[in-house]
Protein backbone atom coordinates (compact mmCIF):
# COMPACT_ATOMS: atom_id res chain seq x y z
CA MET A 1 0.00 0.00 0.00
CA ARG A 2 2.80 2.40 0.89
CA ARG A 3 4.55 1.61 -2.38
CA PHE A 4 1.34 2.32 -4.29
CA LEU A 5 0.87 5.66 -2.52
CA LYS A 6 4.50 6.63 -3.15
CA THR A 7 4.16 5.81 -6.85
CA ALA A 8 0.93 7.78 -7.08
CA VAL A 9 2.50 10.82 -5.41
CA ILE A 10 5.50 10.75 -7.77
CA ALA A 11 3.22 10.41 -10.80
CA THR A 12 1.14 13.36 -9.61
CA ILE A 13 4.22 15.55 -9.15
CA VAL A 14 5.60 14.65 -12.58
CA ALA A 15 2.25 15.28 -14.24
CA ALA A 16 2.03 18.68 -12.59
CA GLN A 17 5.33 19.81 -14.08
CA PRO A 18 5.03 21.81 -17.33
CA ALA A 19 6.54 20.08 -20.36
CA VAL A 20 9.42 21.95 -21.93
CA ALA A 21 9.74 22.44 -25.66
CA ALA A 22 12.71 23.95 -27.41
CA GLU A 23 12.87 26.01 -30.57
CA LEU A 24 16.24 25.24 -32.08
CA GLN A 25 17.93 27.88 -34.21
CA VAL A 26 20.55 26.03 -36.24
CA HIS A 27 23.48 27.45 -38.22
CA LEU A 28 25.75 25.27 -40.38
CA PRO A 29 29.14 26.92 -40.97
CA PRO A 30 30.24 26.53 -44.62
CA GLU A 31 33.89 26.19 -43.60
CA SER A 32 33.21 22.97 -41.68
CA THR A 33 30.60 21.52 -44.04
CA THR A 34 31.44 19.20 -46.93
CA ILE A 35 29.08 18.15 -49.72
CA ASP A 36 30.16 15.25 -51.93
CA PHE A 37 28.32 13.65 -54.83
CA THR A 38 28.89 10.64 -57.07
CA LEU A 39 27.61 9.68 -60.51
CA LYS A 40 27.93 6.15 -61.79
CA ALA A 41 29.07 6.00 -65.41
CA THR A 42 30.21 3.36 -67.88
CA MET A 43 33.31 1.61 -66.47
CA HIS A 44 33.83 4.17 -63.67
CA THR A 45 32.23 6.42 -61.05
CA VAL A 46 32.53 10.20 -61.10
CA HIS A 47 33.23 11.90 -57.76
CA GLY A 48 32.60 15.57 -57.15
CA THR A 49 32.14 18.29 -54.57
CA VAL A 50 29.99 21.38 -54.22
CA THR A 51 30.19 24.31 -51.79
CA LEU A 52 27.65 25.39 -49.18
CA GLU A 53 26.98 29.13 -49.20
CA SER A 54 24.77 29.28 -46.11
CA ALA A 55 22.37 27.17 -44.02
CA GLU A 56 20.00 28.44 -41.34
CA PHE A 57 17.10 26.43 -39.89
CA THR A 58 14.57 26.77 -37.09
CA ILE A 59 13.17 23.54 -35.64
CA ASP A 60 10.42 23.02 -33.07
CA SER A 61 11.54 20.00 -31.06
CA GLU A 62 7.98 19.38 -29.84
CA THR A 63 6.04 19.42 -33.13
CA GLY A 64 8.82 18.75 -35.63
CA GLU A 65 7.87 21.82 -37.65
CA ALA A 66 10.85 23.39 -39.40
CA SER A 67 11.69 26.38 -41.54
CA GLY A 68 14.77 27.87 -43.14
CA GLU A 69 16.99 26.82 -46.00
CA ALA A 70 20.39 25.58 -47.11
CA VAL A 71 21.89 27.36 -50.11
CA VAL A 72 24.44 25.59 -52.33
CA ILE A 73 26.55 27.31 -55.00
CA ALA A 74 25.77 25.37 -58.18
CA ALA A 75 28.71 26.92 -60.04
CA SER A 76 31.10 25.45 -57.46
CA ALA A 77 30.34 21.85 -58.52
CA ASP A 78 33.69 20.28 -59.39
CA THR A 79 34.68 16.79 -60.58
CA GLN A 80 38.35 17.59 -61.29
CA ASN A 81 37.83 17.26 -65.05
CA LYS A 82 37.54 20.54 -66.96
CA LYS A 83 35.87 19.11 -70.05
CA ARG A 84 33.34 17.15 -68.02
CA ASP A 85 32.68 20.09 -65.68
CA LYS A 86 32.09 22.44 -68.61
CA LYS A 87 29.41 20.08 -69.92
CA MET A 88 27.93 19.65 -66.44
CA HIS A 89 27.61 23.41 -65.88
CA GLY A 90 26.56 24.28 -69.40
CA LYS A 91 24.01 21.55 -70.13
CA VAL A 92 22.97 19.88 -66.87
CA LEU A 93 23.14 22.39 -64.00
CA VAL A 94 22.92 25.43 -66.30
CA SER A 95 24.69 27.23 -63.46
CA ALA A 96 25.17 30.51 -65.34
CA GLU A 97 21.38 30.98 -65.35
CA HIS A 98 20.64 29.12 -62.11
CA PRO A 99 23.62 29.80 -59.82
CA LEU A 100 22.03 28.45 -56.62
CA ILE A 101 20.48 25.20 -55.43
CA VAL A 102 18.29 25.61 -52.35
CA ILE A 103 16.81 23.11 -49.90
CA HIS A 104 13.76 24.46 -48.07
CA ALA A 105 12.82 22.80 -44.75
CA GLU A 106 9.22 21.97 -43.83
CA ARG A 107 9.47 19.52 -40.94
CA ILE A 108 11.54 16.77 -39.36
CA GLU A 109 10.34 13.22 -38.83
CA GLY A 110 11.52 11.16 -35.87
CA PRO A 111 12.33 12.20 -32.30
CA LEU A 112 15.18 14.70 -32.00
CA ALA A 113 17.07 14.30 -28.73
CA LEU A 114 18.36 17.56 -27.27
CA GLU A 115 21.47 15.65 -26.15
CA GLY A 116 23.13 12.68 -27.80
CA THR A 117 22.52 11.05 -31.18
CA SER A 118 19.25 10.93 -33.14
CA GLU A 119 18.17 9.42 -36.46
CA ILE A 120 15.75 11.84 -38.14
CA THR A 121 14.56 12.80 -41.62
CA LEU A 122 14.38 16.35 -42.92
CA VAL A 123 11.35 16.78 -45.18
CA GLY A 124 11.16 19.68 -47.57
CA ALA A 125 11.79 20.73 -51.14
CA MET A 126 14.85 21.22 -53.34
CA GLU A 127 14.81 24.17 -55.71
CA ILE A 128 16.93 23.55 -58.79
CA LEU A 129 16.74 25.10 -62.25
CA GLY A 130 13.86 27.28 -61.06
CA ALA A 131 11.59 24.40 -60.01
CA GLU A 132 10.89 22.85 -56.59
CA HIS A 133 10.82 19.10 -55.97
CA PRO A 134 9.89 17.19 -52.78
CA ILE A 135 12.87 15.76 -50.97
CA ARG A 136 13.58 13.63 -47.90
CA VAL A 137 16.99 13.75 -46.25
CA PRO A 138 17.73 10.99 -43.68
CA MET A 139 20.39 12.15 -41.26
CA THR A 140 22.27 11.32 -38.10
CA VAL A 141 22.40 14.25 -35.69
CA THR A 142 24.62 14.38 -32.61
CA MET A 143 23.81 17.16 -30.13
CA ASN A 144 26.34 18.25 -27.53
CA GLY A 145 25.23 21.31 -25.60
CA ASP A 146 25.07 24.28 -27.95
CA THR A 147 26.88 22.52 -30.81
CA ALA A 148 26.03 19.63 -33.09
CA SER A 149 27.28 17.51 -35.97
CA VAL A 150 25.31 16.05 -38.87
CA GLU A 151 25.86 13.36 -41.47
CA ALA A 152 23.29 12.83 -44.22
CA THR A 153 23.06 10.90 -47.48
CA PHE A 154 20.21 11.26 -49.96
CA GLN A 155 19.41 10.70 -53.64
CA VAL A 156 18.81 13.41 -56.24
CA PRO A 157 16.83 11.96 -59.20
CA TYR A 158 18.00 14.72 -61.52
CA VAL A 159 16.73 13.19 -64.78
CA GLU A 160 13.25 12.63 -63.29
CA TRP A 161 13.32 16.28 -62.22
CA GLY A 162 13.89 17.44 -65.78
CA LEU A 163 17.65 18.01 -65.85
CA LYS A 164 19.45 16.88 -68.99
CA ASP A 165 20.74 13.32 -69.09
CA PRO A 166 24.44 13.59 -70.11
CA SER A 167 24.52 10.02 -71.42
CA THR A 168 25.73 9.41 -74.97
CA PHE A 169 25.60 6.34 -77.22
CA VAL A 170 28.90 5.17 -75.76
CA LEU A 171 28.86 6.69 -72.25
CA ARG A 172 25.93 5.78 -70.01
CA VAL A 173 25.50 7.48 -66.64
CA GLY A 174 23.21 6.97 -63.66
CA LYS A 175 19.88 8.76 -63.46
CA GLU A 176 20.27 9.57 -59.77
CA VAL A 177 23.07 11.28 -57.87
CA PRO A 178 23.83 10.21 -54.27
CA VAL A 179 24.80 13.23 -52.17
CA THR A 180 26.57 13.08 -48.79
CA VAL A 181 26.68 16.02 -46.40
CA LYS A 182 28.92 16.17 -43.33
CA ALA A 183 28.86 19.18 -41.02
CA GLU A 184 30.76 19.86 -37.81
CA ASN A 185 30.72 22.74 -35.30
CA ILE A 186 27.06 23.49 -35.98
CA THR A 187 25.76 26.26 -33.74
CA VAL A 188 22.49 25.47 -31.94
CA ASN A 189 20.66 28.19 -30.01
CA ARG A 190 17.82 26.91 -27.84
CA VAL A 191 14.78 29.03 -27.04
CA THR A 192 12.82 27.04 -24.45
CA SER A 193 9.24 27.50 -23.37
CA ALA A 194 6.95 25.72 -20.92
CA LEU A 195 3.99 23.84 -22.34
CA GLU A 196 1.35 24.18 -19.68
CA THR A 197 -1.04 21.26 -19.12
CA PRO A 198 -4.64 22.54 -19.58
CA SER A 199 -6.60 22.63 -16.33
CA GLU A 200 -9.90 20.82 -16.09
């Protein structure tokens, strides 16, 4: 009986405490963020990099709602082959006319721990060549106080999205591009608020 009463008292005290939600304001520093991509082609795989210009997000840890964007410099895409890169920029990315690629955030799926490691998915849209396409970015997030690190890999079905297929009669290339993002020293500002339990 005493154990039951003790448990009931503890449960009552816990229930009376306001839940705490956190709005997370997240900044990815370009200098400690790498973006790599690969493209499978006949007899070999092309490896390349692209540069992050900026990335700012706001995430509600309670609801998963998110806003903000990551901006990538399309003209910075580089595969270490001048002839191939000229074709990529001129016919596929058309980077002279569309210099930026932008990922817009809408929400996150999966529980985001305010400390430690979480497996979540960023849901939003990628804007490329003037059009937006739905995108899902699975990622591993490690939170440590007011800093974090992220690793994410996702597929960009560029041909399906209307970008030119660079394949020729002899050279065949993949229709999707795997992209890997790694970011360190991410700044996380937490704005906490109490979620009051409605009274009866």
